[in-house]
PDB file of N, CA and C in Angstrom:
ATOM      1  N   MET A   1     -18.885-110.132  -7.971  1.00  0.00           N
ATOM      2  CA  MET A   1     -19.344-110.362  -6.609  1.00  0.00           C
ATOM      3  C   MET A   1     -19.213-109.086  -5.792  1.00  0.00           C
ATOM      4  N   LYS A   2     -18.085-108.403  -5.938  1.00  0.00           N
ATOM      5  CA  LYS A   2     -17.855-107.175  -5.195  1.00  0.00           C
ATOM      6  C   LYS A   2     -18.894-106.126  -5.576  1.00  0.00           C
ATOM      7  N   HIS A   3     -19.232-106.062  -6.888  1.00  0.00           N
ATOM      8  CA  HIS A   3     -20.245-105.121  -7.372  1.00  0.00           C
ATOM      9  C   HIS A   3     -21.595-105.409  -6.728  1.00  0.00           C
ATOM     10  N   SER A   4     -21.940-106.675  -6.596  1.00  0.00           N
ATOM     11  CA  SER A   4     -23.222-107.061  -5.997  1.00  0.00           C
ATOM     12  C   SER A   4     -23.280-106.633  -4.538  1.00  0.00           C
ATOM     13  N   ALA A   5     -22.193-106.769  -3.834  1.00  0.00           N
ATOM     14  CA  ALA A   5     -22.165-106.375  -2.427  1.00  0.00           C
ATOM     15  C   ALA A   5     -22.379-104.872  -2.285  1.00  0.00           C
ATOM     16  N   TRP A   6     -21.752-104.081  -3.157  1.00  0.00           N
ATOM     17  CA  TRP A   6     -21.936-102.620  -3.107  1.00  0.00           C
ATOM     18  C   TRP A   6     -23.359-102.240  -3.457  1.00  0.00           C
ATOM     19  N   LEU A   7     -23.932-102.904  -4.446  1.00  0.00           N
ATOM     20  CA  LEU A   7     -25.311-102.624  -4.832  1.00  0.00           C
ATOM     21  C   LEU A   7     -26.256-102.943  -3.680  1.00  0.00           C
ATOM     22  N   LEU A   8     -26.062-104.067  -3.038  1.00  0.00           N
ATOM     23  CA  LEU A   8     -26.899-104.457  -1.915  1.00  0.00           C
ATOM     24  C   LEU A   8     -26.760-103.440  -0.778  1.00  0.00           C
ATOM     25  N   LEU A   9     -25.551-103.016  -0.497  1.00  0.00           N
ATOM     26  CA  LEU A   9     -25.326-102.018   0.540  1.00  0.00           C
ATOM     27  C   LEU A   9     -26.043-100.720   0.191  1.00  0.00           C
ATOM     28  N   PHE A  10     -25.972-100.300  -1.073  1.00  0.00           N
ATOM     29  CA  PHE A  10     -26.643 -99.078  -1.520  1.00  0.00           C
ATOM     30  C   PHE A  10     -28.149 -99.186  -1.342  1.00  0.00           C
ATOM     31  N   VAL A  11     -28.715-100.319  -1.721  1.00  0.00           N
ATOM     32  CA  VAL A  11     -30.164-100.500  -1.616  1.00  0.00           C
ATOM     33  C   VAL A  11     -30.600-100.447  -0.156  1.00  0.00           C
ATOM     34  N   PHE A  12     -29.846-101.066   0.755  1.00  0.00           N
ATOM     35  CA  PHE A  12     -30.224-101.036   2.163  1.00  0.00           C
ATOM     36  C   PHE A  12     -30.047 -99.649   2.771  1.00  0.00           C
ATOM     37  N   ALA A  13     -29.116 -98.871   2.256  1.00  0.00           N
ATOM     38  CA  ALA A  13     -28.884 -97.523   2.785  1.00  0.00           C
ATOM     39  C   ALA A  13     -29.722 -96.476   2.094  1.00  0.00           C
ATOM     40  N   ALA A  14     -30.585 -96.887   1.203  1.00  0.00           N
ATOM     41  CA  ALA A  14     -31.331 -95.942   0.367  1.00  0.00           C
ATOM     42  C   ALA A  14     -32.295 -95.067   1.140  1.00  0.00           C
ATOM     43  N   GLY A  15     -32.718 -95.449   2.277  1.00  0.00           N
ATOM     44  CA  GLY A  15     -33.616 -94.597   3.036  1.00  0.00           C
ATOM     45  C   GLY A  15     -34.860 -95.318   3.481  1.00  0.00           C
ATOM     46  N   PRO A  16     -35.687 -94.629   4.265  1.00  0.00           N
ATOM     47  CA  PRO A  16     -36.856 -95.281   4.834  1.00  0.00           C
ATOM     48  C   PRO A  16     -37.854 -95.751   3.788  1.00  0.00           C
ATOM     49  N   GLN A  17     -37.989 -95.009   2.696  1.00  0.00           N
ATOM     50  CA  GLN A  17     -38.953 -95.411   1.665  1.00  0.00           C
ATOM     51  C   GLN A  17     -38.573 -96.763   1.096  1.00  0.00           C
ATOM     52  N   GLN A  18     -37.315 -96.938   0.720  1.00  0.00           N
ATOM     53  CA  GLN A  18     -36.903 -98.207   0.164  1.00  0.00           C
ATOM     54  C   GLN A  18     -36.790 -99.274   1.239  1.00  0.00           C
ATOM     55  N   ALA A  19     -36.440 -98.871   2.462  1.00  0.00           N
ATOM     56  CA  ALA A  19     -36.349 -99.849   3.543  1.00  0.00           C
ATOM     57  C   ALA A  19     -37.711-100.462   3.819  1.00  0.00           C
ATOM     58  N   SER A  20     -38.760 -99.639   3.832  1.00  0.00           N
ATOM     59  CA  SER A  20     -40.088-100.198   4.072  1.00  0.00           C
ATOM     60  C   SER A  20     -40.503-101.101   2.926  1.00  0.00           C
ATOM     61  N   ALA A  21     -40.079-100.769   1.714  1.00  0.00           N
ATOM     62  CA  ALA A  21     -40.392-101.625   0.578  1.00  0.00           C
ATOM     63  C   ALA A  21     -39.646-102.950   0.712  1.00  0.00           C
ATOM     64  N   GLN A  22     -38.431-102.903   1.246  1.00  0.00           N
ATOM     65  CA  GLN A  22     -37.679-104.129   1.458  1.00  0.00           C
ATOM     66  C   GLN A  22     -38.405-105.014   2.457  1.00  0.00           C
ATOM     67  N   GLN A  23     -38.866-104.427   3.568  1.00  0.00           N
ATOM     68  CA  GLN A  23     -39.527-105.210   4.596  1.00  0.00           C
ATOM     69  C   GLN A  23     -40.831-105.786   4.065  1.00  0.00           C
ATOM     70  N   ALA A  24     -41.621-104.944   3.411  1.00  0.00           N
ATOM     71  CA  ALA A  24     -42.898-105.404   2.883  1.00  0.00           C
ATOM     72  C   ALA A  24     -42.700-106.188   1.592  1.00  0.00           C
ATOM     73  N   GLY A  25     -41.536-105.994   0.947  1.00  0.00           N
ATOM     74  CA  GLY A  25     -41.305-106.579  -0.357  1.00  0.00           C
ATOM     75  C   GLY A  25     -40.612-107.913  -0.344  1.00  0.00           C
ATOM     76  N   GLY A  26     -40.616-108.599   0.792  1.00  0.00           N
ATOM     77  CA  GLY A  26     -40.023-109.917   0.827  1.00  0.00           C
ATOM     78  C   GLY A  26     -40.678-110.843  -0.185  1.00  0.00           C
ATOM     79  N   GLY A  27     -41.882-110.496  -0.601  1.00  0.00           N
ATOM     80  CA  GLY A  27     -42.611-111.311  -1.558  1.00  0.00           C
ATOM     81  C   GLY A  27     -42.518-110.782  -2.975  1.00  0.00           C
ATOM     82  N   LEU A  28     -41.462-110.026  -3.296  1.00  0.00           N
ATOM     83  CA  LEU A  28     -41.309-109.515  -4.658  1.00  0.00           C
ATOM     84  C   LEU A  28     -41.117-110.677  -5.619  1.00  0.00           C
ATOM     85  N   ASN A  29     -41.748-110.563  -6.786  1.00  0.00           N
ATOM     86  CA  ASN A  29     -41.523-111.594  -7.796  1.00  0.00           C
ATOM     87  C   ASN A  29     -40.236-111.275  -8.562  1.00  0.00           C
ATOM     88  N   GLU A  30     -39.872-112.125  -9.477  1.00  0.00           N
ATOM     89  CA  GLU A  30     -38.612-111.974 -10.208  1.00  0.00           C
ATOM     90  C   GLU A  30     -38.556-110.658 -10.999  1.00  0.00           C
ATOM     91  N   ILE A  31     -39.657-110.288 -11.619  1.00  0.00           N
ATOM     92  CA  ILE A  31     -39.702-109.035 -12.402  1.00  0.00           C
ATOM     93  C   ILE A  31     -39.528-107.843 -11.486  1.00  0.00           C
ATOM     94  N   GLN A  32     -40.199-107.851 -10.345  1.00  0.00           N
ATOM     95  CA  GLN A  32     -40.081-106.738  -9.401  1.00  0.00           C
ATOM     96  C   GLN A  32     -38.671-106.643  -8.817  1.00  0.00           C
ATOM     97  N   ARG A  33     -38.046-107.771  -8.536  1.00  0.00           N
ATOM     98  CA  ARG A  33     -36.658-107.751  -8.036  1.00  0.00           C
ATOM     99  C   ARG A  33     -35.717-107.181  -9.095  1.00  0.00           C
ATOM    100  N   HIS A  34     -35.948-107.558 -10.351  1.00  0.00           N
ATOM    101  CA  HIS A  34     -35.152-107.018 -11.450  1.00  0.00           C
ATOM    102  C   HIS A  34     -35.366-105.500 -11.541  1.00  0.00           C
ATOM    103  N   GLY A  35     -36.607-105.062 -11.405  1.00  0.00           N
ATOM    104  CA  GLY A  35     -36.916-103.637 -11.422  1.00  0.00           C
ATOM    105  C   GLY A  35     -36.262-102.897 -10.270  1.00  0.00           C
ATOM    106  N   GLN A  36     -36.218-103.516  -9.112  1.00  0.00           N
ATOM    107  CA  GLN A  36     -35.568-102.928  -7.944  1.00  0.00           C
ATOM    108  C   GLN A  36     -34.077-102.709  -8.224  1.00  0.00           C
ATOM    109  N   GLN A  37     -33.452-103.706  -8.826  1.00  0.00           N
ATOM    110  CA  GLN A  37     -32.032-103.596  -9.158  1.00  0.00           C
ATOM    111  C   GLN A  37     -31.804-102.508 -10.202  1.00  0.00           C
ATOM    112  N   LEU A  38     -32.636-102.484 -11.233  1.00  0.00           N
ATOM    113  CA  LEU A  38     -32.497-101.456 -12.269  1.00  0.00           C
ATOM    114  C   LEU A  38     -32.726-100.058 -11.719  1.00  0.00           C
ATOM    115  N   LEU A  39     -33.699 -99.918 -10.827  1.00  0.00           N
ATOM    116  CA  LEU A  39     -33.963 -98.616 -10.225  1.00  0.00           C
ATOM    117  C   LEU A  39     -32.733 -98.137  -9.466  1.00  0.00           C
ATOM    118  N   ALA A  40     -32.138 -99.017  -8.685  1.00  0.00           N
ATOM    119  CA  ALA A  40     -30.944 -98.635  -7.924  1.00  0.00           C
ATOM    120  C   ALA A  40     -29.804 -98.241  -8.864  1.00  0.00           C
ATOM    121  N   GLN A  41     -29.641 -98.957  -9.977  1.00  0.00           N
ATOM    122  CA  GLN A  41     -28.545 -98.692 -10.899  1.00  0.00           C
ATOM    123  C   GLN A  41     -28.788 -97.481 -11.784  1.00  0.00           C
ATOM    124  N   SER A  42     -30.001 -97.339 -12.298  1.00  0.00           N
ATOM    125  CA  SER A  42     -30.269 -96.337 -13.325  1.00  0.00           C
ATOM    126  C   SER A  42     -30.971 -95.091 -12.812  1.00  0.00           C
ATOM    127  N   CYS A  43     -31.733 -95.221 -11.757  1.00  0.00           N
ATOM    128  CA  CYS A  43     -32.569 -94.113 -11.285  1.00  0.00           C
ATOM    129  C   CYS A  43     -32.131 -93.593  -9.918  1.00  0.00           C
ATOM    130  N   GLY A  44     -31.363 -94.409  -9.210  1.00  0.00           N
ATOM    131  CA  GLY A  44     -31.012 -94.099  -7.827  1.00  0.00           C
ATOM    132  C   GLY A  44     -30.254 -92.806  -7.638  1.00  0.00           C
ATOM    133  N   ILE A  45     -29.437 -92.427  -8.599  1.00  0.00           N
ATOM    134  CA  ILE A  45     -28.631 -91.213  -8.440  1.00  0.00           C
ATOM    135  C   ILE A  45     -29.507 -89.989  -8.214  1.00  0.00           C
ATOM    136  N   CYS A  46     -30.690 -89.986  -8.784  1.00  0.00           N
ATOM    137  CA  CYS A  46     -31.593 -88.841  -8.634  1.00  0.00           C
ATOM    138  C   CYS A  46     -32.787 -89.115  -7.728  1.00  0.00           C
ATOM    139  N   HIS A  47     -33.231 -90.359  -7.661  1.00  0.00           N
ATOM    140  CA  HIS A  47     -34.480 -90.646  -6.962  1.00  0.00           C
ATOM    141  C   HIS A  47     -34.320 -91.342  -5.615  1.00  0.00           C
ATOM    142  N   LEU A  48     -33.112 -91.764  -5.253  1.00  0.00           N
ATOM    143  CA  LEU A  48     -32.892 -92.387  -3.951  1.00  0.00           C
ATOM    144  C   LEU A  48     -31.978 -91.490  -3.132  1.00  0.00           C
ATOM    145  N   PRO A  49     -32.350 -91.188  -1.882  1.00  0.00           N
ATOM    146  CA  PRO A  49     -31.487 -90.336  -1.062  1.00  0.00           C
ATOM    147  C   PRO A  49     -30.189 -91.064  -0.726  1.00  0.00           C
ATOM    148  N   PRO A  50     -29.037 -90.374  -0.800  1.00  0.00           N
ATOM    149  CA  PRO A  50     -27.766 -91.027  -0.493  1.00  0.00           C
ATOM    150  C   PRO A  50     -27.657 -91.434   0.978  1.00  0.00           C
ATOM    151  N   GLU A  51     -28.426 -90.781   1.821  1.00  0.00           N
ATOM    152  CA  GLU A  51     -28.472 -91.136   3.233  1.00  0.00           C
ATOM    153  C   GLU A  51     -29.825 -90.723   3.788  1.00  0.00           C
ATOM    154  N   ARG A  52     -30.170 -91.258   4.915  1.00  0.00           N
ATOM    155  CA  ARG A  52     -31.479 -90.957   5.514  1.00  0.00           C
ATOM    156  C   ARG A  52     -31.670 -89.456   5.680  1.00  0.00           C
ATOM    157  N   GLY A  53     -32.822 -88.992   5.267  1.00  0.00           N
ATOM    158  CA  GLY A  53     -33.173 -87.586   5.443  1.00  0.00           C
ATOM    159  C   GLY A  53     -32.581 -86.658   4.398  1.00  0.00           C
ATOM    160  N   ALA A  54     -31.733 -87.170   3.514  1.00  0.00           N
ATOM    161  CA  ALA A  54     -31.129 -86.321   2.481  1.00  0.00           C
ATOM    162  C   ALA A  54     -32.154 -86.061   1.387  1.00  0.00           C
ATOM    163  N   LYS A  55     -32.029 -84.922   0.748  1.00  0.00           N
ATOM    164  CA  LYS A  55     -32.930 -84.591  -0.357  1.00  0.00           C
ATOM    165  C   LYS A  55     -32.429 -85.247  -1.638  1.00  0.00           C
ATOM    166  N   THR A  56     -33.345 -85.445  -2.565  1.00  0.00           N
ATOM    167  CA  THR A  56     -32.995 -86.036  -3.851  1.00  0.00           C
ATOM    168  C   THR A  56     -33.223 -85.007  -4.949  1.00  0.00           C
ATOM    169  N   TYR A  57     -32.613 -85.219  -6.119  1.00  0.00           N
ATOM    170  CA  TYR A  57     -32.825 -84.341  -7.269  1.00  0.00           C
ATOM    171  C   TYR A  57     -34.227 -84.524  -7.835  1.00  0.00           C
ATOM    172  N   GLY A  58     -34.639 -85.771  -7.918  1.00  0.00           N
ATOM    173  CA  GLY A  58     -35.959 -86.088  -8.451  1.00  0.00           C
ATOM    174  C   GLY A  58     -36.893 -86.476  -7.321  1.00  0.00           C
ATOM    175  N   PRO A  59     -38.174 -86.588  -7.611  1.00  0.00           N
ATOM    176  CA  PRO A  59     -39.112 -86.977  -6.552  1.00  0.00           C
ATOM    177  C   PRO A  59     -38.879 -88.417  -6.120  1.00  0.00           C
ATOM    178  N   PRO A  60     -39.190 -88.714  -4.865  1.00  0.00           N
ATOM    179  CA  PRO A  60     -39.083 -90.106  -4.431  1.00  0.00           C
ATOM    180  C   PRO A  60     -40.080 -90.955  -5.203  1.00  0.00           C
ATOM    181  N   LEU A  61     -39.686 -92.163  -5.520  1.00  0.00           N
ATOM    182  CA  LEU A  61     -40.552 -93.040  -6.308  1.00  0.00           C
ATOM    183  C   LEU A  61     -41.284 -94.000  -5.390  1.00  0.00           C
ATOM    184  N   ASN A  62     -42.598 -94.051  -5.555  1.00  0.00           N
ATOM    185  CA  ASN A  62     -43.442 -94.978  -4.813  1.00  0.00           C
ATOM    186  C   ASN A  62     -44.662 -95.286  -5.662  1.00  0.00           C
ATOM    187  N   LYS A  63     -45.590 -96.037  -5.121  1.00  0.00           N
ATOM    188  CA  LYS A  63     -46.727 -96.495  -5.920  1.00  0.00           C
ATOM    189  C   LYS A  63     -47.576 -95.362  -6.473  1.00  0.00           C
ATOM    190  N   LEU A  64     -47.433 -94.145  -5.966  1.00  0.00           N
ATOM    191  CA  LEU A  64     -48.199 -93.002  -6.462  1.00  0.00           C
ATOM    192  C   LEU A  64     -47.470 -92.232  -7.562  1.00  0.00           C
ATOM    193  N   ALA A  65     -46.254 -92.643  -7.901  1.00  0.00           N
ATOM    194  CA  ALA A  65     -45.475 -91.944  -8.937  1.00  0.00           C
ATOM    195  C   ALA A  65     -46.245 -91.929 -10.248  1.00  0.00           C
ATOM    196  N   GLY A  66     -46.161 -90.821 -10.945  1.00  0.00           N
ATOM    197  CA  GLY A  66     -46.889 -90.684 -12.204  1.00  0.00           C
ATOM    198  C   GLY A  66     -48.388 -90.705 -11.993  1.00  0.00           C
ATOM    199  N   GLY A  67     -48.828 -90.296 -10.804  1.00  0.00           N
ATOM    200  CA  GLY A  67     -50.245 -90.317 -10.494  1.00  0.00           C
ATOM    201  C   GLY A  67     -50.800 -91.727 -10.415  1.00  0.00           C
ATOM    202  N   GLY A  68     -49.913 -92.720 -10.243  1.00  0.00           N
ATOM    203  CA  GLY A  68     -50.345 -94.110 -10.191  1.00  0.00           C
ATOM    204  C   GLY A  68     -50.622 -94.699 -11.570  1.00  0.00           C
ATOM    205  N   ASP A  69     -50.289 -93.944 -12.611  1.00  0.00           N
ATOM    206  CA  ASP A  69     -50.564 -94.366 -13.993  1.00  0.00           C
ATOM    207  C   ASP A  69     -49.288 -94.929 -14.624  1.00  0.00           C
ATOM    208  N   ASP A  70     -49.308 -96.220 -14.947  1.00  0.00           N
ATOM    209  CA  ASP A  70     -48.131 -96.873 -15.527  1.00  0.00           C
ATOM    210  C   ASP A  70     -47.742 -96.257 -16.870  1.00  0.00           C
ATOM    211  N   ASP A  71     -48.717 -95.857 -17.667  1.00  0.00           N
ATOM    212  CA  ASP A  71     -48.410 -95.272 -18.979  1.00  0.00           C
ATOM    213  C   ASP A  71     -47.673 -93.948 -18.843  1.00  0.00           C
ATOM    214  N   ILE A  72     -48.026 -93.161 -17.842  1.00  0.00           N
ATOM    215  CA  ILE A  72     -47.322 -91.892 -17.614  1.00  0.00           C
ATOM    216  C   ILE A  72     -45.887 -92.171 -17.192  1.00  0.00           C
ATOM    217  N   MET A  73     -45.703 -93.111 -16.271  1.00  0.00           N
ATOM    218  CA  MET A  73     -44.337 -93.459 -15.850  1.00  0.00           C
ATOM    219  C   MET A  73     -43.518 -93.960 -17.025  1.00  0.00           C
ATOM    220  N   ARG A  74     -44.120 -94.811 -17.852  1.00  0.00           N
ATOM    221  CA  ARG A  74     -43.418 -95.364 -19.018  1.00  0.00           C
ATOM    222  C   ARG A  74     -42.978 -94.222 -19.952  1.00  0.00           C
ATOM    223  N   GLU A  75     -43.855 -93.256 -20.167  1.00  0.00           N
ATOM    224  CA  GLU A  75     -43.536 -92.097 -21.009  1.00  0.00           C
ATOM    225  C   GLU A  75     -42.374 -91.302 -20.420  1.00  0.00           C
ATOM    226  N   TYR A  76     -42.413 -91.030 -19.118  1.00  0.00           N
ATOM    227  CA  TYR A  76     -41.326 -90.282 -18.466  1.00  0.00           C
ATOM    228  C   TYR A  76     -39.992 -91.011 -18.600  1.00  0.00           C
ATOM    229  N   ILE A  77     -39.994 -92.310 -18.318  1.00  0.00           N
ATOM    230  CA  ILE A  77     -38.749 -93.074 -18.370  1.00  0.00           C
ATOM    231  C   ILE A  77     -38.242 -93.178 -19.810  1.00  0.00           C
ATOM    232  N   THR A  78     -39.138 -93.446 -20.734  1.00  0.00           N
ATOM    233  CA  THR A  78     -38.748 -93.639 -22.128  1.00  0.00           C
ATOM    234  C   THR A  78     -38.244 -92.352 -22.769  1.00  0.00           C
ATOM    235  N   ASN A  79     -39.026 -91.293 -22.663  1.00  0.00           N
ATOM    236  CA  ASN A  79     -38.710 -90.052 -23.386  1.00  0.00           C
ATOM    237  C   ASN A  79     -38.155 -88.933 -22.524  1.00  0.00           C
ATOM    238  N   GLY A  80     -38.132 -89.118 -21.218  1.00  0.00           N
ATOM    239  CA  GLY A  80     -37.596 -88.098 -20.337  1.00  0.00           C
ATOM    240  C   GLY A  80     -38.553 -86.924 -20.177  1.00  0.00           C
ATOM    241  N   THR A  81     -38.088 -85.934 -19.454  1.00  0.00           N
ATOM    242  CA  THR A  81     -38.813 -84.690 -19.225  1.00  0.00           C
ATOM    243  C   THR A  81     -37.790 -83.570 -19.330  1.00  0.00           C
ATOM    244  N   PRO A  82     -38.203 -82.315 -19.231  1.00  0.00           N
ATOM    245  CA  PRO A  82     -37.201 -81.245 -19.262  1.00  0.00           C
ATOM    246  C   PRO A  82     -36.120 -81.380 -18.181  1.00  0.00           C
ATOM    247  N   ARG A  83     -36.453 -82.050 -17.064  1.00  0.00           N
ATOM    248  CA  ARG A  83     -35.483 -82.198 -15.974  1.00  0.00           C
ATOM    249  C   ARG A  83     -34.923 -83.612 -15.846  1.00  0.00           C
ATOM    250  N   MET A  84     -35.392 -84.532 -16.680  1.00  0.00           N
ATOM    251  CA  MET A  84     -34.975 -85.937 -16.570  1.00  0.00           C
ATOM    252  C   MET A  84     -34.554 -86.456 -17.936  1.00  0.00           C
ATOM    253  N   PRO A  85     -33.442 -87.173 -17.993  1.00  0.00           N
ATOM    254  CA  PRO A  85     -33.007 -87.703 -19.293  1.00  0.00           C
ATOM    255  C   PRO A  85     -33.896 -88.844 -19.778  1.00  0.00           C
ATOM    256  N   SER A  86     -33.832 -89.085 -21.057  1.00  0.00           N
ATOM    257  CA  SER A  86     -34.532 -90.203 -21.683  1.00  0.00           C
ATOM    258  C   SER A  86     -33.713 -91.474 -21.482  1.00  0.00           C
ATOM    259  N   PHE A  87     -34.391 -92.581 -21.274  1.00  0.00           N
ATOM    260  CA  PHE A  87     -33.704 -93.862 -21.113  1.00  0.00           C
ATOM    261  C   PHE A  87     -34.033 -94.835 -22.241  1.00  0.00           C
ATOM    262  N   LYS A  88     -34.656 -94.341 -23.317  1.00  0.00           N
ATOM    263  CA  LYS A  88     -35.083 -95.239 -24.400  1.00  0.00           C
ATOM    264  C   LYS A  88     -33.924 -95.923 -25.112  1.00  0.00           C
ATOM    265  N   SER A  89     -32.756 -95.311 -25.129  1.00  0.00           N
ATOM    266  CA  SER A  89     -31.622 -95.958 -25.782  1.00  0.00           C
ATOM    267  C   SER A  89     -30.785 -96.784 -24.797  1.00  0.00           C
ATOM    268  N   TYR A  90     -31.156 -96.749 -23.538  1.00  0.00           N
ATOM    269  CA  TYR A  90     -30.399 -97.449 -22.506  1.00  0.00           C
ATOM    270  C   TYR A  90     -31.164 -98.648 -21.936  1.00  0.00           C
ATOM    271  N   LEU A  91     -32.474 -98.483 -21.749  1.00  0.00           N
ATOM    272  CA  LEU A  91     -33.284 -99.541 -21.163  1.00  0.00           C
ATOM    273  C   LEU A  91     -34.223-100.152 -22.196  1.00  0.00           C
ATOM    274  N   LYS A  92     -34.384-101.464 -22.143  1.00  0.00           N
ATOM    275  CA  LYS A  92     -35.362-102.140 -22.995  1.00  0.00           C
ATOM    276  C   LYS A  92     -36.755-101.908 -22.406  1.00  0.00           C
ATOM    277  N   SER A  93     -37.775-102.095 -23.214  1.00  0.00           N
ATOM    278  CA  SER A  93     -39.145-101.897 -22.717  1.00  0.00           C
ATOM    279  C   SER A  93     -39.451-102.851 -21.562  1.00  0.00           C
ATOM    280  N   THR A  94     -38.891-104.055 -21.589  1.00  0.00           N
ATOM    281  CA  THR A  94     -39.117-104.992 -20.480  1.00  0.00           C
ATOM    282  C   THR A  94     -38.446-104.499 -19.193  1.00  0.00           C
ATOM    283  N   ASP A  95     -37.312-103.810 -19.335  1.00  0.00           N
ATOM    284  CA  ASP A  95     -36.640-103.238 -18.168  1.00  0.00           C
ATOM    285  C   ASP A  95     -37.482-102.106 -17.573  1.00  0.00           C
ATOM    286  N   ILE A  96     -38.044-101.274 -18.442  1.00  0.00           N
ATOM    287  CA  ILE A  96     -38.892-100.172 -17.981  1.00  0.00           C
ATOM    288  C   ILE A  96     -40.121-100.740 -17.271  1.00  0.00           C
ATOM    289  N   ASP A  97     -40.703-101.775 -17.838  1.00  0.00           N
ATOM    290  CA  ASP A  97     -41.855-102.419 -17.204  1.00  0.00           C
ATOM    291  C   ASP A  97     -41.484-102.990 -15.837  1.00  0.00           C
ATOM    292  N   ALA A  98     -40.286-103.534 -15.714  1.00  0.00           N
ATOM    293  CA  ALA A  98     -39.834-104.100 -14.439  1.00  0.00           C
ATOM    294  C   ALA A  98     -39.660-102.996 -13.394  1.00  0.00           C
ATOM    295  N   ILE A  99     -39.111-101.856 -13.797  1.00  0.00           N
ATOM    296  CA  ILE A  99     -38.957-100.730 -12.867  1.00  0.00           C
ATOM    297  C   ILE A  99     -40.327-100.286 -12.380  1.00  0.00           C
ATOM    298  N   ILE A 100     -41.268-100.144 -13.302  1.00  0.00           N
ATOM    299  CA  ILE A 100     -42.621 -99.728 -12.933  1.00  0.00           C
ATOM    300  C   ILE A 100     -43.252-100.756 -11.995  1.00  0.00           C
ATOM    301  N   ALA A 101     -43.086-102.037 -12.294  1.00  0.00           N
ATOM    302  CA  ALA A 101     -43.645-103.094 -11.441  1.00  0.00           C
ATOM    303  C   ALA A 101     -43.081-102.998 -10.028  1.00  0.00           C
ATOM    304  N   TYR A 102     -41.780-102.719  -9.913  1.00  0.00           N
ATOM    305  CA  TYR A 102     -41.189-102.578  -8.573  1.00  0.00           C
ATOM    306  C   TYR A 102     -41.704-101.326  -7.873  1.00  0.00           C
ATOM    307  N   VAL A 103     -41.705-100.192  -8.577  1.00  0.00           N
ATOM    308  CA  VAL A 103     -42.138 -98.932  -7.957  1.00  0.00           C
ATOM    309  C   VAL A 103     -43.558 -99.064  -7.414  1.00  0.00           C
ATOM    310  N   ARG A 104     -44.393 -99.814  -8.082  1.00  0.00           N
ATOM    311  CA  ARG A 104     -45.777 -99.991  -7.629  1.00  0.00           C
ATOM    312  C   ARG A 104     -45.863-100.791  -6.329  1.00  0.00           C
ATOM    313  N   THR A 105     -44.753-101.419  -5.897  1.00  0.00           N
ATOM    314  CA  THR A 105     -44.740-102.137  -4.618  1.00  0.00           C
ATOM    315  C   THR A 105     -44.265-101.263  -3.468  1.00  0.00           C
ATOM    316  N   VAL A 106     -43.709-100.092  -3.783  1.00  0.00           N
ATOM    317  CA  VAL A 106     -43.153 -99.210  -2.751  1.00  0.00           C
ATOM    318  C   VAL A 106     -44.290 -98.380  -2.154  1.00  0.00           C
ATOM    319  N   PRO A 107     -44.526 -98.509  -0.836  1.00  0.00           N
ATOM    320  CA  PRO A 107     -45.617 -97.758  -0.233  1.00  0.00           C
ATOM    321  C   PRO A 107     -45.371 -96.250  -0.291  1.00  0.00           C
ATOM    322  N   ALA A 108     -46.443 -95.517  -0.427  1.00  0.00           N
ATOM    323  CA  ALA A 108     -46.364 -94.066  -0.387  1.00  0.00           C
ATOM    324  C   ALA A 108     -46.109 -93.636   1.052  1.00  0.00           C
ATOM    325  N   PRO A 109     -45.349 -92.562   1.243  1.00  0.00           N
ATOM    326  CA  PRO A 109     -45.113 -92.112   2.618  1.00  0.00           C
ATOM    327  C   PRO A 109     -46.418 -91.649   3.259  1.00  0.00           C
ATOM    328  N   ALA A 110     -46.495 -91.809   4.549  1.00  0.00           N
ATOM    329  CA  ALA A 110     -47.681 -91.365   5.276  1.00  0.00           C
ATOM    330  C   ALA A 110     -47.753 -89.844   5.233  1.00  0.00           C
ATOM    331  N   ALA A 111     -48.943 -89.330   5.128  1.00  0.00           N
ATOM    332  CA  ALA A 111     -49.136 -87.885   5.103  1.00  0.00           C
ATOM    333  C   ALA A 111     -48.737 -87.305   6.461  1.00  0.00           C
ATOM    334  N   ALA A 112     -48.099 -86.144   6.415  1.00  0.00           N
ATOM    335  CA  ALA A 112     -47.703 -85.484   7.652  1.00  0.00           C
ATOM    336  C   ALA A 112     -48.952 -85.008   8.382  1.00  0.00           C
ATOM    337  N   PRO A 113     -48.957 -85.101   9.709  1.00  0.00           N
ATOM    338  CA  PRO A 113     -50.132 -84.642  10.441  1.00  0.00           C
ATOM    339  C   PRO A 113     -50.313 -83.138  10.268  1.00  0.00           C
ATOM    340  N   ALA A 114     -51.549 -82.714  10.189  1.00  0.00           N
ATOM    341  CA  ALA A 114     -51.846 -81.298  10.019  1.00  0.00           C
ATOM    342  C   ALA A 114     -51.485 -80.536  11.293  1.00  0.00           C
ATOM    343  N   ALA A 115     -50.981 -79.328  11.107  1.00  0.00           N
ATOM    344  CA  ALA A 115     -50.629 -78.487  12.259  1.00  0.00           C
ATOM    345  C   ALA A 115     -51.920 -78.020  12.931  1.00  0.00           C
ATOM    346  N   PRO A 116     -51.919 -77.909  14.251  1.00  0.00           N
ATOM    347  CA  PRO A 116     -53.120 -77.443  14.926  1.00  0.00           C
ATOM    348  C   PRO A 116     -53.441 -76.006  14.518  1.00  0.00           C
ATOM    349  N   ALA A 117     -54.714 -75.707  14.431  1.00  0.00           N
ATOM    350  CA  ALA A 117     -55.147 -74.357  14.059  1.00  0.00           C
ATOM    351  C   ALA A 117     -54.815 -73.376  15.169  1.00  0.00           C
ATOM    352  N   ALA A 118     -54.460 -72.178  14.753  1.00  0.00           N
ATOM    353  CA  ALA A 118     -54.141 -71.122  15.731  1.00  0.00           C
ATOM    354  C   ALA A 118     -55.420 -70.681  16.434  1.00  0.00           C
ATOM    355  N   PRO A 119     -55.343 -70.388  17.746  1.00  0.00           N
ATOM    356  CA  PRO A 119     -56.550 -69.980  18.473  1.00  0.00           C
ATOM    357  C   PRO A 119     -57.039 -68.626  18.081  1.00  0.00           C
TER     358      PRO A 119
END
């Protein structure tokens, strides 16, 4: 029970990207909720900011991750990259699918407004 409370606190403190997903994600299905939990446990150390505005080691995860291609995300999670460890011996394929399903519900951040042109 204590572990669940800490996990919930971590997810709510994860930052605006995850907060907006929480607000919009009230309709998450069971697989997406499982993916959300796995992301916080397995991916959060690198992909979720420890506090608002903090930088992360890895890119923020949202529906555009992996170019929006589930197969690319699956490859990255399964086999890793030069900067990311492999999770094939830690996560089952259904767990990886759940993470991808959740990430696809996270809205992409709005593009920053362009700076005005110099006169």
